Amino acid sequence: MSESRAANGVGTAQKPVVLVVDDDPDIRESLTDMFESVGMRAVVYGTTAEMLDDTLPECLSCLVLDLRLPGSSGLELQSQLASQGIDIPIIFITGHADVPTTVRAMKAGALDFLSKPFREQELLDAVSDALKRDGERRLQQRERDSVRALAQQLTVRETDVLRGVARGLLNKQIAFELGITEVTVKMHRSSAGKKLKSISVADMIRKIELLDL
């Protein structure tokens, strides 16, 4: 079961959440005090299994993860989260750092790797950066979801034309590939732009990229 010393009340859910997985209760308590002293909410776990059994927050969040843990390790948790499509910024903390492990964690997407004992400000800076990145990711995901909802209005032919646009083809090149006239391409392109609520060519291309056409 997770431990949290955040007070229940209005506004708590809006606070950034720092998830902490560390088997040392003293470290869990220390990090809880530190994060809550700067206006963040800390939710702490002693094992990776405890975290996986819990419901992850829907708000701005990041994960401070010990490398060596009883049972499943921090690296194994990182892999499990990735396999489940859970994209949360991870900061590793460890008293047993080595170059191969650090490289493996960073290649798998970890944002930072701090050796114990670390300075409080060092961890706070890393967490601040992680929360900023999580905010950018969430904003992009909301925009992607919005564009995909708009894209459901597109016809098959409009989608075909947008694929050509995504490849940087001219209208006449798209027309040749699809076996239609250039005028028809322009018509489909204009219609698709209106459905995607594109305000410019650059905006349309950005939205096409979000659709992964």
N, C-alpha and C. Protein backbone atom coordinates (compact mmCIF):
# COMPACT_ATOMS: atom_id res chain seq x y z
N MET A 1 0.85 -1.19 0.00
CA MET A 1 0.00 0.00 0.00
C MET A 1 0.89 1.24 0.00
N SER A 2 0.49 2.26 -0.76
CA SER A 2 1.30 3.47 -0.83
C SER A 2 1.17 4.27 0.45
N GLU A 3 2.22 5.05 0.74
CA GLU A 3 2.22 5.94 1.89
C GLU A 3 2.18 7.36 1.37
N SER A 4 1.34 8.19 1.93
CA SER A 4 1.33 9.59 1.54
C SER A 4 0.99 10.43 2.74
N ARG A 5 1.76 11.52 2.92
CA ARG A 5 1.51 12.40 4.04
C ARG A 5 0.90 13.70 3.58
N ALA A 6 0.37 13.69 2.33
CA ALA A 6 -0.28 14.90 1.85
C ALA A 6 -1.64 15.03 2.53
N ALA A 7 -1.97 16.25 2.90
CA ALA A 7 -3.26 16.47 3.56
C ALA A 7 -4.37 16.37 2.54
N ASN A 8 -5.49 15.77 2.95
CA ASN A 8 -6.65 15.71 2.09
C ASN A 8 -7.33 17.07 2.10
N GLY A 9 -7.74 17.54 0.94
CA GLY A 9 -8.42 18.82 0.93
C GLY A 9 -8.47 19.42 -0.45
N VAL A 10 -9.17 20.52 -0.58
CA VAL A 10 -9.33 21.17 -1.86
C VAL A 10 -7.96 21.61 -2.38
N GLY A 11 -7.70 21.32 -3.66
CA GLY A 11 -6.46 21.75 -4.29
C GLY A 11 -5.36 20.72 -4.25
N THR A 12 -5.48 19.67 -3.44
CA THR A 12 -4.43 18.65 -3.33
C THR A 12 -4.17 17.98 -4.67
N ALA A 13 -5.27 17.69 -5.40
CA ALA A 13 -5.14 16.97 -6.66
C ALA A 13 -4.41 17.79 -7.71
N GLN A 14 -4.40 19.13 -7.55
CA GLN A 14 -3.74 19.97 -8.54
C GLN A 14 -2.23 20.06 -8.31
N LYS A 15 -1.76 19.63 -7.16
CA LYS A 15 -0.33 19.69 -6.89
C LYS A 15 0.41 18.67 -7.75
N PRO A 16 1.62 19.00 -8.23
CA PRO A 16 2.43 17.99 -8.92
C PRO A 16 2.70 16.83 -7.97
N VAL A 17 2.70 15.63 -8.52
CA VAL A 17 2.92 14.44 -7.69
C VAL A 17 4.27 13.82 -8.01
N VAL A 18 5.03 13.56 -6.97
CA VAL A 18 6.31 12.86 -7.13
C VAL A 18 6.14 11.47 -6.52
N LEU A 19 6.22 10.45 -7.37
CA LEU A 19 6.17 9.08 -6.89
C LEU A 19 7.59 8.67 -6.49
N VAL A 20 7.73 8.05 -5.35
CA VAL A 20 9.04 7.63 -4.87
C VAL A 20 9.00 6.14 -4.57
N VAL A 21 9.93 5.39 -5.16
CA VAL A 21 10.05 3.96 -4.85
C VAL A 21 11.43 3.73 -4.27
N ASP A 22 11.48 3.43 -2.96
CA ASP A 22 12.75 3.20 -2.26
C ASP A 22 12.47 2.30 -1.07
N ASP A 23 13.32 1.31 -0.84
CA ASP A 23 13.06 0.36 0.24
C ASP A 23 13.51 0.87 1.61
N ASP A 24 14.16 2.04 1.65
CA ASP A 24 14.61 2.62 2.91
C ASP A 24 13.54 3.58 3.45
N PRO A 25 12.89 3.24 4.57
CA PRO A 25 11.82 4.10 5.11
C PRO A 25 12.30 5.49 5.50
N ASP A 26 13.56 5.60 5.93
CA ASP A 26 14.09 6.92 6.29
C ASP A 26 14.18 7.82 5.06
N ILE A 27 14.61 7.24 3.95
CA ILE A 27 14.70 8.02 2.71
C ILE A 27 13.30 8.41 2.23
N ARG A 28 12.35 7.48 2.33
CA ARG A 28 10.98 7.79 1.93
C ARG A 28 10.43 8.97 2.74
N GLU A 29 10.68 8.93 4.05
CA GLU A 29 10.18 10.01 4.91
C GLU A 29 10.88 11.32 4.61
N SER A 30 12.20 11.27 4.40
CA SER A 30 12.97 12.47 4.11
C SER A 30 12.53 13.11 2.80
N LEU A 31 12.33 12.28 1.76
CA LEU A 31 11.92 12.82 0.46
C LEU A 31 10.50 13.35 0.52
N THR A 32 9.65 12.70 1.28
CA THR A 32 8.28 13.19 1.45
C THR A 32 8.29 14.59 2.04
N ASP A 33 9.06 14.77 3.12
CA ASP A 33 9.17 16.08 3.76
C ASP A 33 9.71 17.12 2.78
N MET A 34 10.74 16.75 2.03
CA MET A 34 11.37 17.69 1.11
C MET A 34 10.41 18.13 0.01
N PHE A 35 9.75 17.18 -0.62
CA PHE A 35 8.86 17.52 -1.73
C PHE A 35 7.65 18.32 -1.26
N GLU A 36 7.10 17.93 -0.11
CA GLU A 36 5.91 18.64 0.37
C GLU A 36 6.28 20.04 0.86
N SER A 37 7.53 20.26 1.24
CA SER A 37 7.96 21.59 1.70
C SER A 37 8.02 22.58 0.55
N VAL A 38 8.07 22.07 -0.70
CA VAL A 38 8.11 22.97 -1.86
C VAL A 38 6.82 22.89 -2.67
N GLY A 39 5.75 22.39 -2.04
CA GLY A 39 4.44 22.42 -2.68
C GLY A 39 4.11 21.26 -3.59
N MET A 40 4.86 20.18 -3.48
CA MET A 40 4.56 18.99 -4.27
C MET A 40 3.92 17.93 -3.36
N ARG A 41 3.22 16.99 -3.98
CA ARG A 41 2.63 15.90 -3.20
C ARG A 41 3.47 14.64 -3.42
N ALA A 42 3.89 14.01 -2.34
CA ALA A 42 4.71 12.81 -2.44
C ALA A 42 3.86 11.57 -2.16
N VAL A 43 4.02 10.57 -3.02
CA VAL A 43 3.40 9.26 -2.80
C VAL A 43 4.53 8.25 -2.86
N VAL A 44 4.74 7.52 -1.77
CA VAL A 44 5.94 6.68 -1.68
C VAL A 44 5.60 5.20 -1.53
N TYR A 45 6.52 4.37 -2.04
CA TYR A 45 6.36 2.92 -2.03
C TYR A 45 7.68 2.27 -1.62
N GLY A 46 7.59 1.10 -1.00
CA GLY A 46 8.78 0.38 -0.60
C GLY A 46 9.27 -0.61 -1.64
N THR A 47 8.38 -0.99 -2.57
CA THR A 47 8.73 -1.95 -3.63
C THR A 47 8.07 -1.53 -4.94
N THR A 48 8.57 -2.09 -6.04
CA THR A 48 7.97 -1.80 -7.34
C THR A 48 6.57 -2.40 -7.42
N ALA A 49 6.36 -3.55 -6.77
CA ALA A 49 5.05 -4.21 -6.80
C ALA A 49 3.98 -3.31 -6.19
N GLU A 50 4.33 -2.60 -5.10
CA GLU A 50 3.38 -1.70 -4.46
C GLU A 50 2.94 -0.61 -5.43
N MET A 51 3.89 -0.08 -6.18
CA MET A 51 3.55 0.98 -7.12
C MET A 51 2.67 0.45 -8.25
N LEU A 52 3.02 -0.71 -8.78
CA LEU A 52 2.25 -1.28 -9.88
C LEU A 52 0.83 -1.64 -9.47
N ASP A 53 0.64 -1.94 -8.19
CA ASP A 53 -0.69 -2.28 -7.69
C ASP A 53 -1.55 -1.04 -7.44
N ASP A 54 -0.91 0.14 -7.44
CA ASP A 54 -1.63 1.37 -7.14
C ASP A 54 -2.11 2.03 -8.44
N THR A 55 -3.00 3.00 -8.30
CA THR A 55 -3.48 3.77 -9.44
C THR A 55 -2.58 4.99 -9.61
N LEU A 56 -2.01 5.13 -10.77
CA LEU A 56 -1.09 6.25 -11.01
C LEU A 56 -1.86 7.55 -11.20
N PRO A 57 -1.28 8.66 -10.78
CA PRO A 57 -1.97 9.95 -10.87
C PRO A 57 -2.19 10.40 -12.31
N GLU A 58 -3.28 11.15 -12.51
CA GLU A 58 -3.59 11.69 -13.83
C GLU A 58 -3.01 13.08 -14.01
N CYS A 59 -2.48 13.64 -12.94
CA CYS A 59 -1.95 15.01 -12.99
C CYS A 59 -0.45 15.00 -13.28
N LEU A 60 0.13 16.19 -13.30
CA LEU A 60 1.55 16.36 -13.51
C LEU A 60 2.33 15.50 -12.52
N SER A 61 3.24 14.65 -13.03
CA SER A 61 3.93 13.72 -12.12
C SER A 61 5.26 13.25 -12.69
N CYS A 62 6.08 12.69 -11.81
CA CYS A 62 7.33 12.04 -12.21
C CYS A 62 7.65 10.96 -11.18
N LEU A 63 8.66 10.17 -11.47
CA LEU A 63 9.00 9.03 -10.62
C LEU A 63 10.46 9.11 -10.18
N VAL A 64 10.67 9.09 -8.87
CA VAL A 64 12.02 8.99 -8.32
C VAL A 64 12.20 7.54 -7.89
N LEU A 65 13.11 6.85 -8.55
CA LEU A 65 13.18 5.38 -8.45
C LEU A 65 14.56 4.89 -8.01
N ASP A 66 14.56 4.10 -6.93
CA ASP A 66 15.81 3.50 -6.47
C ASP A 66 16.20 2.39 -7.45
N LEU A 67 17.49 2.24 -7.68
CA LEU A 67 17.95 1.24 -8.63
C LEU A 67 17.81 -0.18 -8.08
N ARG A 68 18.32 -0.36 -6.86
CA ARG A 68 18.28 -1.70 -6.25
C ARG A 68 17.17 -1.78 -5.23
N LEU A 69 16.25 -2.72 -5.46
CA LEU A 69 15.09 -2.88 -4.60
C LEU A 69 14.84 -4.35 -4.34
N PRO A 70 14.18 -4.70 -3.24
CA PRO A 70 13.83 -6.10 -3.01
C PRO A 70 12.82 -6.55 -4.06
N GLY A 71 13.02 -7.74 -4.59
CA GLY A 71 12.13 -8.21 -5.66
C GLY A 71 12.54 -7.61 -6.98
N SER A 72 11.59 -7.01 -7.66
CA SER A 72 11.85 -6.40 -8.97
C SER A 72 12.69 -5.14 -8.81
N SER A 73 13.71 -4.99 -9.65
CA SER A 73 14.61 -3.84 -9.55
C SER A 73 14.02 -2.60 -10.22
N GLY A 74 14.69 -1.48 -10.01
CA GLY A 74 14.25 -0.25 -10.65
C GLY A 74 14.29 -0.34 -12.16
N LEU A 75 15.32 -0.96 -12.71
CA LEU A 75 15.42 -1.12 -14.16
C LEU A 75 14.28 -1.99 -14.69
N GLU A 76 13.92 -3.01 -13.93
CA GLU A 76 12.81 -3.88 -14.35
C GLU A 76 11.49 -3.12 -14.33
N LEU A 77 11.31 -2.25 -13.33
CA LEU A 77 10.10 -1.43 -13.29
C LEU A 77 10.06 -0.48 -14.47
N GLN A 78 11.19 0.11 -14.80
CA GLN A 78 11.27 1.00 -15.96
C GLN A 78 10.81 0.26 -17.22
N SER A 79 11.28 -0.97 -17.37
CA SER A 79 10.91 -1.78 -18.54
C SER A 79 9.42 -2.14 -18.52
N GLN A 80 8.89 -2.47 -17.35
CA GLN A 80 7.48 -2.82 -17.23
C GLN A 80 6.58 -1.65 -17.58
N LEU A 81 6.93 -0.47 -17.09
CA LEU A 81 6.13 0.71 -17.39
C LEU A 81 6.13 1.00 -18.88
N ALA A 82 7.29 0.86 -19.51
CA ALA A 82 7.39 1.10 -20.95
C ALA A 82 6.54 0.10 -21.73
N SER A 83 6.55 -1.16 -21.31
CA SER A 83 5.78 -2.20 -22.01
C SER A 83 4.28 -1.97 -21.87
N GLN A 84 3.87 -1.28 -20.80
CA GLN A 84 2.46 -0.99 -20.58
C GLN A 84 2.05 0.36 -21.17
N GLY A 85 2.98 1.01 -21.84
CA GLY A 85 2.69 2.30 -22.45
C GLY A 85 2.54 3.43 -21.45
N ILE A 86 3.12 3.25 -20.26
CA ILE A 86 3.05 4.29 -19.22
C ILE A 86 4.28 5.18 -19.36
N ASP A 87 4.06 6.39 -19.80
CA ASP A 87 5.15 7.31 -20.09
C ASP A 87 5.26 8.33 -18.97
N ILE A 88 6.07 8.02 -17.97
CA ILE A 88 6.28 8.93 -16.86
C ILE A 88 7.77 9.21 -16.73
N PRO A 89 8.18 10.47 -16.58
CA PRO A 89 9.62 10.78 -16.46
C PRO A 89 10.21 10.08 -15.22
N ILE A 90 11.38 9.47 -15.40
CA ILE A 90 12.01 8.72 -14.32
C ILE A 90 13.38 9.30 -13.96
N ILE A 91 13.58 9.48 -12.66
CA ILE A 91 14.88 9.88 -12.12
C ILE A 91 15.37 8.75 -11.23
N PHE A 92 16.49 8.15 -11.58
CA PHE A 92 17.04 7.07 -10.77
C PHE A 92 17.91 7.63 -9.66
N ILE A 93 17.81 7.02 -8.48
CA ILE A 93 18.73 7.32 -7.38
C ILE A 93 19.33 6.00 -6.91
N THR A 94 20.61 6.00 -6.60
CA THR A 94 21.24 4.75 -6.20
C THR A 94 22.53 4.98 -5.42
N GLY A 95 22.84 4.02 -4.57
CA GLY A 95 24.12 4.04 -3.87
C GLY A 95 25.10 3.10 -4.51
N HIS A 96 24.71 2.50 -5.65
CA HIS A 96 25.55 1.49 -6.32
C HIS A 96 25.60 1.78 -7.82
N ALA A 97 26.00 2.97 -8.18
CA ALA A 97 26.04 3.35 -9.59
C ALA A 97 27.25 2.75 -10.31
N ASP A 98 27.04 2.35 -11.54
CA ASP A 98 28.15 1.94 -12.41
C ASP A 98 27.80 2.39 -13.82
N VAL A 99 28.82 2.54 -14.63
CA VAL A 99 28.62 3.11 -15.96
C VAL A 99 27.67 2.29 -16.83
N PRO A 100 27.83 0.95 -16.95
CA PRO A 100 26.91 0.19 -17.79
C PRO A 100 25.44 0.32 -17.38
N THR A 101 25.20 0.29 -16.07
CA THR A 101 23.82 0.42 -15.59
C THR A 101 23.27 1.80 -15.89
N THR A 102 24.09 2.82 -15.67
CA THR A 102 23.66 4.19 -15.95
C THR A 102 23.32 4.36 -17.42
N VAL A 103 24.18 3.85 -18.28
CA VAL A 103 23.96 3.94 -19.73
C VAL A 103 22.67 3.21 -20.11
N ARG A 104 22.46 2.04 -19.54
CA ARG A 104 21.25 1.27 -19.85
C ARG A 104 20.00 2.03 -19.45
N ALA A 105 20.01 2.63 -18.26
CA ALA A 105 18.84 3.37 -17.77
C ALA A 105 18.57 4.60 -18.64
N MET A 106 19.62 5.32 -19.01
CA MET A 106 19.45 6.53 -19.81
C MET A 106 19.00 6.20 -21.22
N LYS A 107 19.52 5.13 -21.79
CA LYS A 107 19.09 4.72 -23.13
C LYS A 107 17.63 4.30 -23.14
N ALA A 108 17.15 3.80 -22.00
CA ALA A 108 15.75 3.38 -21.89
C ALA A 108 14.83 4.56 -21.59
N GLY A 109 15.41 5.75 -21.48
CA GLY A 109 14.58 6.94 -21.34
C GLY A 109 14.62 7.66 -20.01
N ALA A 110 15.45 7.20 -19.07
CA ALA A 110 15.56 7.89 -17.78
C ALA A 110 16.08 9.31 -18.00
N LEU A 111 15.56 10.25 -17.23
CA LEU A 111 15.98 11.64 -17.39
C LEU A 111 17.25 11.96 -16.63
N ASP A 112 17.45 11.29 -15.49
CA ASP A 112 18.63 11.60 -14.68
C ASP A 112 19.00 10.39 -13.84
N PHE A 113 20.24 10.38 -13.35
CA PHE A 113 20.75 9.27 -12.56
C PHE A 113 21.62 9.86 -11.46
N LEU A 114 21.09 9.90 -10.24
CA LEU A 114 21.80 10.54 -9.13
C LEU A 114 22.34 9.52 -8.15
N SER A 115 23.59 9.72 -7.72
CA SER A 115 24.22 8.81 -6.76
C SER A 115 23.98 9.30 -5.33
N LYS A 116 23.63 8.36 -4.47
CA LYS A 116 23.47 8.69 -3.04
C LYS A 116 24.86 8.80 -2.41
N PRO A 117 25.08 9.72 -1.49
CA PRO A 117 24.13 10.77 -1.09
C PRO A 117 24.16 11.92 -2.09
N PHE A 118 23.00 12.45 -2.39
CA PHE A 118 22.91 13.57 -3.33
C PHE A 118 22.44 14.81 -2.57
N ARG A 119 22.70 15.96 -3.14
CA ARG A 119 22.23 17.21 -2.54
C ARG A 119 20.73 17.38 -2.80
N GLU A 120 20.01 17.91 -1.83
CA GLU A 120 18.57 18.10 -2.00
C GLU A 120 18.26 18.93 -3.23
N GLN A 121 19.03 20.01 -3.42
CA GLN A 121 18.77 20.89 -4.56
C GLN A 121 19.01 20.18 -5.88
N GLU A 122 19.96 19.27 -5.89
CA GLU A 122 20.25 18.50 -7.10
C GLU A 122 19.03 17.67 -7.50
N LEU A 123 18.41 17.03 -6.52
CA LEU A 123 17.21 16.23 -6.81
C LEU A 123 16.03 17.12 -7.15
N LEU A 124 15.88 18.22 -6.44
CA LEU A 124 14.76 19.13 -6.73
C LEU A 124 14.86 19.70 -8.15
N ASP A 125 16.08 20.01 -8.58
CA ASP A 125 16.27 20.50 -9.95
C ASP A 125 15.90 19.43 -10.97
N ALA A 126 16.30 18.19 -10.69
CA ALA A 126 15.98 17.08 -11.60
C ALA A 126 14.47 16.85 -11.66
N VAL A 127 13.82 16.92 -10.51
CA VAL A 127 12.36 16.73 -10.45
C VAL A 127 11.65 17.87 -11.17
N SER A 128 12.13 19.09 -11.00
CA SER A 128 11.53 20.24 -11.68
C SER A 128 11.59 20.07 -13.19
N ASP A 129 12.73 19.60 -13.69
CA ASP A 129 12.89 19.36 -15.12
C ASP A 129 11.96 18.23 -15.59
N ALA A 130 11.85 17.18 -14.76
CA ALA A 130 10.99 16.05 -15.11
C ALA A 130 9.52 16.47 -15.17
N LEU A 131 9.08 17.28 -14.24
CA LEU A 131 7.70 17.74 -14.23
C LEU A 131 7.42 18.66 -15.43
N LYS A 132 8.41 19.47 -15.80
CA LYS A 132 8.26 20.32 -16.98
C LYS A 132 8.07 19.46 -18.23
N ARG A 133 8.88 18.42 -18.33
CA ARG A 133 8.77 17.54 -19.50
C ARG A 133 7.44 16.78 -19.51
N ASP A 134 6.99 16.39 -18.32
CA ASP A 134 5.71 15.69 -18.25
C ASP A 134 4.58 16.62 -18.67
N GLY A 135 4.67 17.89 -18.29
CA GLY A 135 3.67 18.86 -18.70
C GLY A 135 3.63 19.03 -20.21
N GLU A 136 4.81 19.10 -20.82
CA GLU A 136 4.90 19.23 -22.28
C GLU A 136 4.33 17.99 -22.96
N ARG A 137 4.63 16.81 -22.40
CA ARG A 137 4.11 15.56 -22.97
C ARG A 137 2.59 15.51 -22.89
N ARG A 138 2.05 15.90 -21.75
CA ARG A 138 0.60 15.87 -21.56
C ARG A 138 -0.09 16.86 -22.48
N LEU A 139 0.51 18.03 -22.67
CA LEU A 139 -0.06 19.03 -23.58
C LEU A 139 -0.08 18.50 -25.00
N GLN A 140 1.03 17.88 -25.42
CA GLN A 140 1.09 17.32 -26.77
C GLN A 140 0.09 16.19 -26.94
N GLN A 141 -0.09 15.37 -25.89
CA GLN A 141 -1.05 14.27 -25.98
C GLN A 141 -2.48 14.80 -26.11
N ARG A 142 -2.81 15.85 -25.37
CA ARG A 142 -4.15 16.44 -25.48
C ARG A 142 -4.37 16.99 -26.88
N GLU A 143 -3.33 17.63 -27.42
CA GLU A 143 -3.45 18.17 -28.77
C GLU A 143 -3.61 17.04 -29.79
N ARG A 144 -2.83 15.96 -29.60
CA ARG A 144 -2.92 14.82 -30.50
C ARG A 144 -4.32 14.20 -30.46
N ASP A 145 -4.86 14.05 -29.27
CA ASP A 145 -6.20 13.47 -29.12
C ASP A 145 -7.24 14.36 -29.80
N SER A 146 -7.08 15.69 -29.66
CA SER A 146 -8.01 16.63 -30.27
C SER A 146 -7.97 16.53 -31.79
N VAL A 147 -6.75 16.47 -32.35
CA VAL A 147 -6.60 16.39 -33.81
C VAL A 147 -7.15 15.06 -34.33
N ARG A 148 -6.91 13.98 -33.59
CA ARG A 148 -7.42 12.68 -34.02
C ARG A 148 -8.94 12.64 -34.02
N ALA A 149 -9.53 13.35 -33.07
CA ALA A 149 -10.99 13.42 -33.04
C ALA A 149 -11.51 14.16 -34.27
N LEU A 150 -10.83 15.26 -34.64
CA LEU A 150 -11.22 16.00 -35.84
C LEU A 150 -11.01 15.15 -37.09
N ALA A 151 -9.94 14.35 -37.10
CA ALA A 151 -9.59 13.55 -38.28
C ALA A 151 -10.61 12.46 -38.59
N GLN A 152 -11.46 12.15 -37.64
CA GLN A 152 -12.49 11.12 -37.89
C GLN A 152 -13.48 11.59 -38.95
N GLN A 153 -13.50 12.90 -39.21
CA GLN A 153 -14.41 13.44 -40.24
C GLN A 153 -13.82 13.30 -41.65
N LEU A 154 -12.54 13.01 -41.76
CA LEU A 154 -11.89 12.95 -43.07
C LEU A 154 -12.37 11.77 -43.90
N THR A 155 -12.50 12.00 -45.20
CA THR A 155 -12.81 10.89 -46.11
C THR A 155 -11.52 10.15 -46.43
N VAL A 156 -11.66 8.98 -47.05
CA VAL A 156 -10.49 8.19 -47.43
C VAL A 156 -9.62 8.99 -48.40
N ARG A 157 -10.25 9.64 -49.36
CA ARG A 157 -9.49 10.40 -50.37
C ARG A 157 -8.79 11.60 -49.74
N GLU A 158 -9.44 12.27 -48.80
CA GLU A 158 -8.80 13.39 -48.12
C GLU A 158 -7.58 12.92 -47.33
N THR A 159 -7.69 11.75 -46.73
CA THR A 159 -6.56 11.19 -45.99
C THR A 159 -5.42 10.86 -46.95
N ASP A 160 -5.76 10.31 -48.12
CA ASP A 160 -4.73 10.00 -49.12
C ASP A 160 -3.98 11.27 -49.54
N VAL A 161 -4.73 12.36 -49.73
CA VAL A 161 -4.11 13.63 -50.13
C VAL A 161 -3.20 14.14 -49.01
N LEU A 162 -3.64 14.02 -47.77
CA LEU A 162 -2.82 14.48 -46.65
C LEU A 162 -1.54 13.67 -46.52
N ARG A 163 -1.61 12.38 -46.86
CA ARG A 163 -0.38 11.57 -46.84
C ARG A 163 0.63 12.11 -47.85
N GLY A 164 0.13 12.55 -48.98
CA GLY A 164 1.01 13.15 -49.98
C GLY A 164 1.61 14.45 -49.47
N VAL A 165 0.79 15.25 -48.81
CA VAL A 165 1.26 16.50 -48.23
C VAL A 165 2.35 16.22 -47.19
N ALA A 166 2.13 15.17 -46.39
CA ALA A 166 3.10 14.80 -45.36
C ALA A 166 4.44 14.44 -45.96
N ARG A 167 4.44 13.90 -47.17
CA ARG A 167 5.69 13.52 -47.85
C ARG A 167 6.31 14.69 -48.59
N GLY A 168 5.67 15.86 -48.53
CA GLY A 168 6.22 17.04 -49.18
C GLY A 168 5.94 17.11 -50.67
N LEU A 169 4.95 16.35 -51.15
CA LEU A 169 4.63 16.35 -52.58
C LEU A 169 3.83 17.57 -52.98
N LEU A 170 4.02 18.02 -54.21
CA LEU A 170 3.22 19.11 -54.76
C LEU A 170 1.84 18.56 -55.14
N ASN A 171 0.88 19.46 -55.30
CA ASN A 171 -0.47 19.03 -55.66
C ASN A 171 -0.48 18.19 -56.94
N LYS A 172 0.31 18.61 -57.93
CA LYS A 172 0.31 17.88 -59.19
C LYS A 172 0.94 16.49 -59.04
N GLN A 173 1.90 16.35 -58.11
CA GLN A 173 2.49 15.04 -57.85
C GLN A 173 1.50 14.13 -57.14
N ILE A 174 0.76 14.69 -56.20
CA ILE A 174 -0.26 13.91 -55.50
C ILE A 174 -1.33 13.48 -56.50
N ALA A 175 -1.70 14.39 -57.39
CA ALA A 175 -2.72 14.08 -58.40
C ALA A 175 -2.27 12.93 -59.29
N PHE A 176 -1.00 12.95 -59.69
CA PHE A 176 -0.47 11.89 -60.55
C PHE A 176 -0.50 10.55 -59.83
N GLU A 177 -0.08 10.53 -58.56
CA GLU A 177 -0.04 9.28 -57.80
C GLU A 177 -1.43 8.70 -57.58
N LEU A 178 -2.40 9.59 -57.33
CA LEU A 178 -3.76 9.12 -57.03
C LEU A 178 -4.63 8.95 -58.26
N GLY A 179 -4.13 9.42 -59.41
CA GLY A 179 -4.89 9.28 -60.64
C GLY A 179 -6.09 10.20 -60.70
N ILE A 180 -5.94 11.39 -60.13
CA ILE A 180 -7.03 12.37 -60.15
C ILE A 180 -6.47 13.69 -60.64
N THR A 181 -7.33 14.67 -60.87
CA THR A 181 -6.85 15.96 -61.37
C THR A 181 -6.29 16.81 -60.24
N GLU A 182 -5.46 17.77 -60.62
CA GLU A 182 -4.88 18.67 -59.63
C GLU A 182 -5.96 19.50 -58.95
N VAL A 183 -6.99 19.85 -59.70
CA VAL A 183 -8.11 20.62 -59.14
C VAL A 183 -8.79 19.82 -58.04
N THR A 184 -8.94 18.51 -58.27
CA THR A 184 -9.58 17.64 -57.28
C THR A 184 -8.71 17.54 -56.02
N VAL A 185 -7.40 17.47 -56.23
CA VAL A 185 -6.49 17.44 -55.08
C VAL A 185 -6.65 18.70 -54.25
N LYS A 186 -6.69 19.85 -54.90
CA LYS A 186 -6.86 21.12 -54.19
C LYS A 186 -8.16 21.14 -53.41
N MET A 187 -9.21 20.57 -54.01
CA MET A 187 -10.52 20.54 -53.36
C MET A 187 -10.47 19.69 -52.09
N HIS A 188 -9.85 18.48 -52.20
CA HIS A 188 -9.75 17.59 -51.05
C HIS A 188 -8.85 18.19 -49.96
N ARG A 189 -7.80 18.85 -50.41
CA ARG A 189 -6.85 19.46 -49.46
C ARG A 189 -7.52 20.58 -48.68
N SER A 190 -8.30 21.40 -49.38
CA SER A 190 -9.01 22.49 -48.74
C SER A 190 -10.05 21.96 -47.76
N SER A 191 -10.77 20.93 -48.17
CA SER A 191 -11.79 20.33 -47.30
C SER A 191 -11.16 19.73 -46.05
N ALA A 192 -10.03 19.04 -46.23
CA ALA A 192 -9.34 18.43 -45.10
C ALA A 192 -8.84 19.50 -44.13
N GLY A 193 -8.35 20.60 -44.69
CA GLY A 193 -7.86 21.69 -43.85
C GLY A 193 -8.96 22.27 -42.97
N LYS A 194 -10.16 22.41 -43.55
CA LYS A 194 -11.29 22.94 -42.79
C LYS A 194 -11.70 21.98 -41.68
N LYS A 195 -11.71 20.69 -41.99
CA LYS A 195 -12.10 19.69 -41.00
C LYS A 195 -11.10 19.62 -39.85
N LEU A 196 -9.81 19.83 -40.15
CA LEU A 196 -8.78 19.80 -39.11
C LEU A 196 -8.61 21.17 -38.45
N LYS A 197 -9.41 22.15 -38.90
CA LYS A 197 -9.36 23.51 -38.36
C LYS A 197 -7.95 24.09 -38.47
N SER A 198 -7.33 23.85 -39.64
CA SER A 198 -5.97 24.36 -39.88
C SER A 198 -6.04 25.84 -40.23
N ILE A 199 -5.20 26.64 -39.62
CA ILE A 199 -5.21 28.08 -39.86
C ILE A 199 -4.11 28.51 -40.84
N SER A 200 -3.24 27.57 -41.20
CA SER A 200 -2.16 27.87 -42.14
C SER A 200 -1.60 26.55 -42.66
N VAL A 201 -0.74 26.66 -43.67
CA VAL A 201 -0.09 25.46 -44.21
C VAL A 201 0.77 24.81 -43.13
N ALA A 202 1.50 25.63 -42.38
CA ALA A 202 2.35 25.10 -41.31
C ALA A 202 1.52 24.39 -40.25
N ASP A 203 0.36 24.95 -39.93
CA ASP A 203 -0.52 24.33 -38.93
C ASP A 203 -1.05 23.00 -39.45
N MET A 204 -1.38 22.93 -40.73
CA MET A 204 -1.86 21.68 -41.30
C MET A 204 -0.78 20.61 -41.25
N ILE A 205 0.44 20.97 -41.61
CA ILE A 205 1.54 20.01 -41.60
C ILE A 205 1.81 19.51 -40.18
N ARG A 206 1.75 20.42 -39.21
CA ARG A 206 1.96 20.01 -37.81
C ARG A 206 0.87 19.02 -37.37
N LYS A 207 -0.36 19.26 -37.79
CA LYS A 207 -1.46 18.37 -37.41
C LYS A 207 -1.35 17.02 -38.14
N ILE A 208 -0.87 17.07 -39.37
CA ILE A 208 -0.64 15.82 -40.11
C ILE A 208 0.41 14.98 -39.38
N GLU A 209 1.45 15.63 -38.87
CA GLU A 209 2.50 14.93 -38.11
C GLU A 209 1.93 14.30 -36.85
N LEU A 210 1.01 15.00 -36.20
CA LEU A 210 0.39 14.46 -34.98
C LEU A 210 -0.46 13.23 -35.30
N LEU A 211 -0.96 13.15 -36.54
CA LEU A 211 -1.79 12.01 -36.95
C LEU A 211 -0.95 10.81 -37.40
N ASP A 212 0.38 11.03 -37.55
CA ASP A 212 1.29 9.96 -37.99
C ASP A 212 0.86 9.35 -39.31
N LEU A 213 0.45 10.21 -40.25
CA LEU A 213 0.02 9.72 -41.56
C LEU A 213 1.23 9.30 -42.41
